[in-house]
Amino acid sequence: MPLHTPPPPSISPRQMTLMRIVASMAWSDGNLADAEVDLMLDRFSGLFADKEDGQQSLREELRDYLMQNLPLGELVPQLQDQAERELVLRLGYEVISSSARTPEENLINDEEATAYQTLVNLLKLPPEVVDRIESEAENSPRTTTLVNHMTAHLEAFFQE
């Protein structure tokens, strides 16, 4: 049976790359819960589409792309500048530090730590930038959900 390739999405390649890298970090522990997917789809479609009917259509388009777990090594070289690399690092760190799979597990498990270190290496950011971003992410209020944080950072990024 041939593989089904979804049609190109109606978001920019830049937006798609950012979304896929964040999704890849979410996949790093081998588990992407349906609730996480639904929430990410709601936020990304709301961010990338203006009207409600456009958001629903985009939500359906993006589902197939979120379900694809692409290697970071293929995605990171597509980032265009330092600002994108910093944004991806922050969102990636927030994704892996958002929750544990079980109460007994560390907040960042071994698979997530390995994926994060791979991301850091691929981004080639100076150590002081990595430290600053991690500190900012750790000190940001956790009163809102991870996806709310991601949405706020993405909105700010695309308005620059």
Protein backbone atom coordinates (compact mmCIF):
# COMPACT_ATOMS: atom_id res chain seq x y z
CA MET A 1 0.00 0.00 0.00
CA PRO A 2 1.53 3.36 -1.02
CA LEU A 3 2.18 5.99 1.61
CA HIS A 4 -0.28 8.85 1.66
CA THR A 5 1.43 12.23 1.56
CA PRO A 6 -0.83 15.01 2.83
CA PRO A 7 -1.30 18.03 0.56
CA PRO A 8 0.86 21.05 1.30
CA PRO A 9 -0.55 23.03 4.23
CA SER A 10 -1.85 26.56 3.88
CA ILE A 11 0.72 27.92 6.33
CA SER A 12 4.15 29.20 5.41
CA PRO A 13 7.13 26.86 5.31
CA ARG A 14 8.61 28.89 8.17
CA GLN A 15 5.53 28.33 10.34
CA MET A 16 5.50 24.65 9.42
CA THR A 17 9.14 24.20 10.39
CA LEU A 18 8.60 25.81 13.80
CA MET A 19 5.51 23.70 14.44
CA ARG A 20 7.24 20.49 13.39
CA ILE A 21 10.25 21.10 15.62
CA VAL A 22 8.01 21.72 18.62
CA ALA A 23 6.03 18.58 17.74
CA SER A 24 9.27 16.61 17.40
CA MET A 25 10.25 17.60 20.92
CA ALA A 26 6.80 16.59 22.16
CA TRP A 27 7.34 13.19 20.49
CA SER A 28 10.79 12.72 22.03
CA ASP A 29 9.51 10.47 24.81
CA GLY A 30 7.68 8.32 22.28
CA ASN A 31 4.25 9.49 23.39
CA LEU A 32 2.02 12.23 22.04
CA ALA A 33 -1.36 12.10 23.76
CA ASP A 34 -4.54 12.88 21.83
CA ALA A 35 -5.33 15.68 24.26
CA GLU A 36 -1.92 17.27 23.56
CA VAL A 37 -2.49 17.00 19.82
CA ASP A 38 -5.96 18.55 20.07
CA LEU A 39 -4.72 21.41 22.19
CA MET A 40 -1.74 22.11 19.92
CA LEU A 41 -4.00 22.00 16.85
CA ASP A 42 -6.42 24.45 18.45
CA ARG A 43 -3.65 26.89 19.30
CA PHE A 44 -1.67 26.63 16.07
CA SER A 45 -4.78 26.89 13.88
CA GLY A 46 -5.93 29.89 15.91
CA LEU A 47 -2.55 31.52 15.50
CA PHE A 48 -2.09 30.77 11.81
CA ALA A 49 -5.67 31.31 10.50
CA ASP A 50 -7.91 34.35 10.88
CA LYS A 51 -11.49 33.13 10.57
CA GLU A 52 -13.17 30.31 12.46
CA ASP A 53 -13.93 28.31 9.31
CA GLY A 54 -10.33 28.77 8.19
CA GLN A 55 -9.14 27.65 11.61
CA GLN A 56 -11.16 24.43 11.41
CA SER A 57 -9.85 23.68 7.93
CA LEU A 58 -6.27 24.42 8.99
CA ARG A 59 -6.71 22.31 12.11
CA GLU A 60 -7.59 19.33 9.92
CA GLU A 61 -4.63 20.03 7.61
CA LEU A 62 -2.14 20.26 10.46
CA ARG A 63 -3.23 17.07 12.24
CA ASP A 64 -1.42 14.87 9.69
CA TYR A 65 1.72 16.96 10.05
CA LEU A 66 1.73 16.88 13.85
CA MET A 67 1.39 13.12 13.77
CA GLN A 68 4.60 12.82 11.72
CA ASN A 69 7.62 12.53 13.95
CA LEU A 70 10.41 13.96 11.81
CA PRO A 71 14.06 13.94 12.88
CA LEU A 72 15.35 17.19 14.33
CA GLY A 73 18.39 16.88 12.06
CA GLU A 74 16.14 17.38 9.03
CA LEU A 75 14.18 20.27 10.53
CA VAL A 76 16.70 22.48 12.32
CA PRO A 77 18.75 23.35 9.19
CA GLN A 78 15.57 24.93 7.78
CA LEU A 79 15.55 27.62 10.48
CA GLN A 80 16.37 30.99 8.98
CA ASP A 81 17.99 33.00 11.75
CA GLN A 82 19.12 33.31 15.36
CA ALA A 83 15.69 34.48 16.54
CA GLU A 84 14.06 31.32 15.18
CA ARG A 85 16.73 29.13 16.79
CA GLU A 86 16.20 30.82 20.16
CA LEU A 87 12.41 30.49 19.87
CA VAL A 88 12.69 26.80 19.02
CA LEU A 89 15.02 26.18 21.96
CA ARG A 90 12.64 27.88 24.38
CA LEU A 91 9.56 26.08 23.07
CA GLY A 92 11.43 22.77 23.01
CA TYR A 93 12.54 23.23 26.60
CA GLU A 94 9.00 24.13 27.66
CA VAL A 95 7.61 21.07 25.89
CA ILE A 96 9.90 18.60 27.61
CA SER A 97 9.60 20.21 31.02
CA SER A 98 5.82 20.55 30.96
CA SER A 99 4.90 17.21 32.52
CA ALA A 100 5.97 13.68 33.32
CA ARG A 101 4.29 10.58 31.89
CA THR A 102 3.87 9.13 35.38
CA PRO A 103 4.07 10.62 38.89
CA GLU A 104 7.19 8.54 39.59
CA GLU A 105 9.07 9.81 36.54
CA ASN A 106 11.37 12.85 36.46
CA LEU A 107 9.85 15.93 34.86
CA ILE A 108 12.36 15.58 32.02
CA ASN A 109 12.91 11.90 31.30
CA ASP A 110 16.01 10.39 29.68
CA GLU A 111 14.55 10.36 26.15
CA GLU A 112 13.52 14.01 26.42
CA ALA A 113 16.90 15.02 27.84
CA THR A 114 18.65 13.28 24.94
CA ALA A 115 16.38 14.93 22.37
CA TYR A 116 16.89 18.32 24.02
CA GLN A 117 20.67 17.94 23.97
CA THR A 118 20.45 16.98 20.29
CA LEU A 119 18.40 20.14 19.67
CA VAL A 120 20.92 22.30 21.56
CA ASN A 121 23.79 20.82 19.52
CA LEU A 122 21.98 21.30 16.21
CA LEU A 123 21.03 24.90 16.99
CA LYS A 124 24.67 25.85 17.70
CA LEU A 125 23.71 28.63 20.08
CA PRO A 126 26.31 30.07 22.47
CA PRO A 127 26.19 28.47 25.95
CA GLU A 128 25.24 31.78 27.57
CA VAL A 129 22.20 32.05 25.26
CA VAL A 130 21.15 28.48 26.09
CA ASP A 131 21.52 29.22 29.82
CA ARG A 132 19.49 32.44 29.50
CA ILE A 133 16.67 30.74 27.60
CA GLU A 134 16.50 27.82 30.04
CA SER A 135 16.46 30.21 33.00
CA GLU A 136 13.69 32.30 31.44
CA ALA A 137 11.64 29.18 30.71
CA GLU A 138 12.14 27.81 34.24
CA ASN A 139 11.20 31.12 35.83
CA SER A 140 8.13 31.82 33.71
CA PRO A 141 4.85 31.42 35.56
CA ARG A 142 3.25 28.01 35.14
CA THR A 143 -0.25 29.36 35.66
CA THR A 144 -1.05 28.93 31.99
CA THR A 145 -0.74 25.83 29.90
CA LEU A 146 2.27 24.93 27.80
CA VAL A 147 0.40 25.62 24.59
CA ASN A 148 -0.61 29.07 25.87
CA HIS A 149 3.10 29.78 26.43
CA MET A 150 3.92 28.47 22.97
CA THR A 151 1.16 30.54 21.39
CA ALA A 152 2.27 33.74 23.12
CA HIS A 153 5.88 33.25 22.02
CA LEU A 154 4.89 32.39 18.45
CA GLU A 155 2.55 35.39 18.22
CA ALA A 156 5.29 37.71 19.45
CA PHE A 157 7.79 36.15 17.06
CA PHE A 158 5.62 36.54 13.97
CA GLN A 159 4.76 40.15 14.86
CA GLU A 160 8.44 41.17 14.89
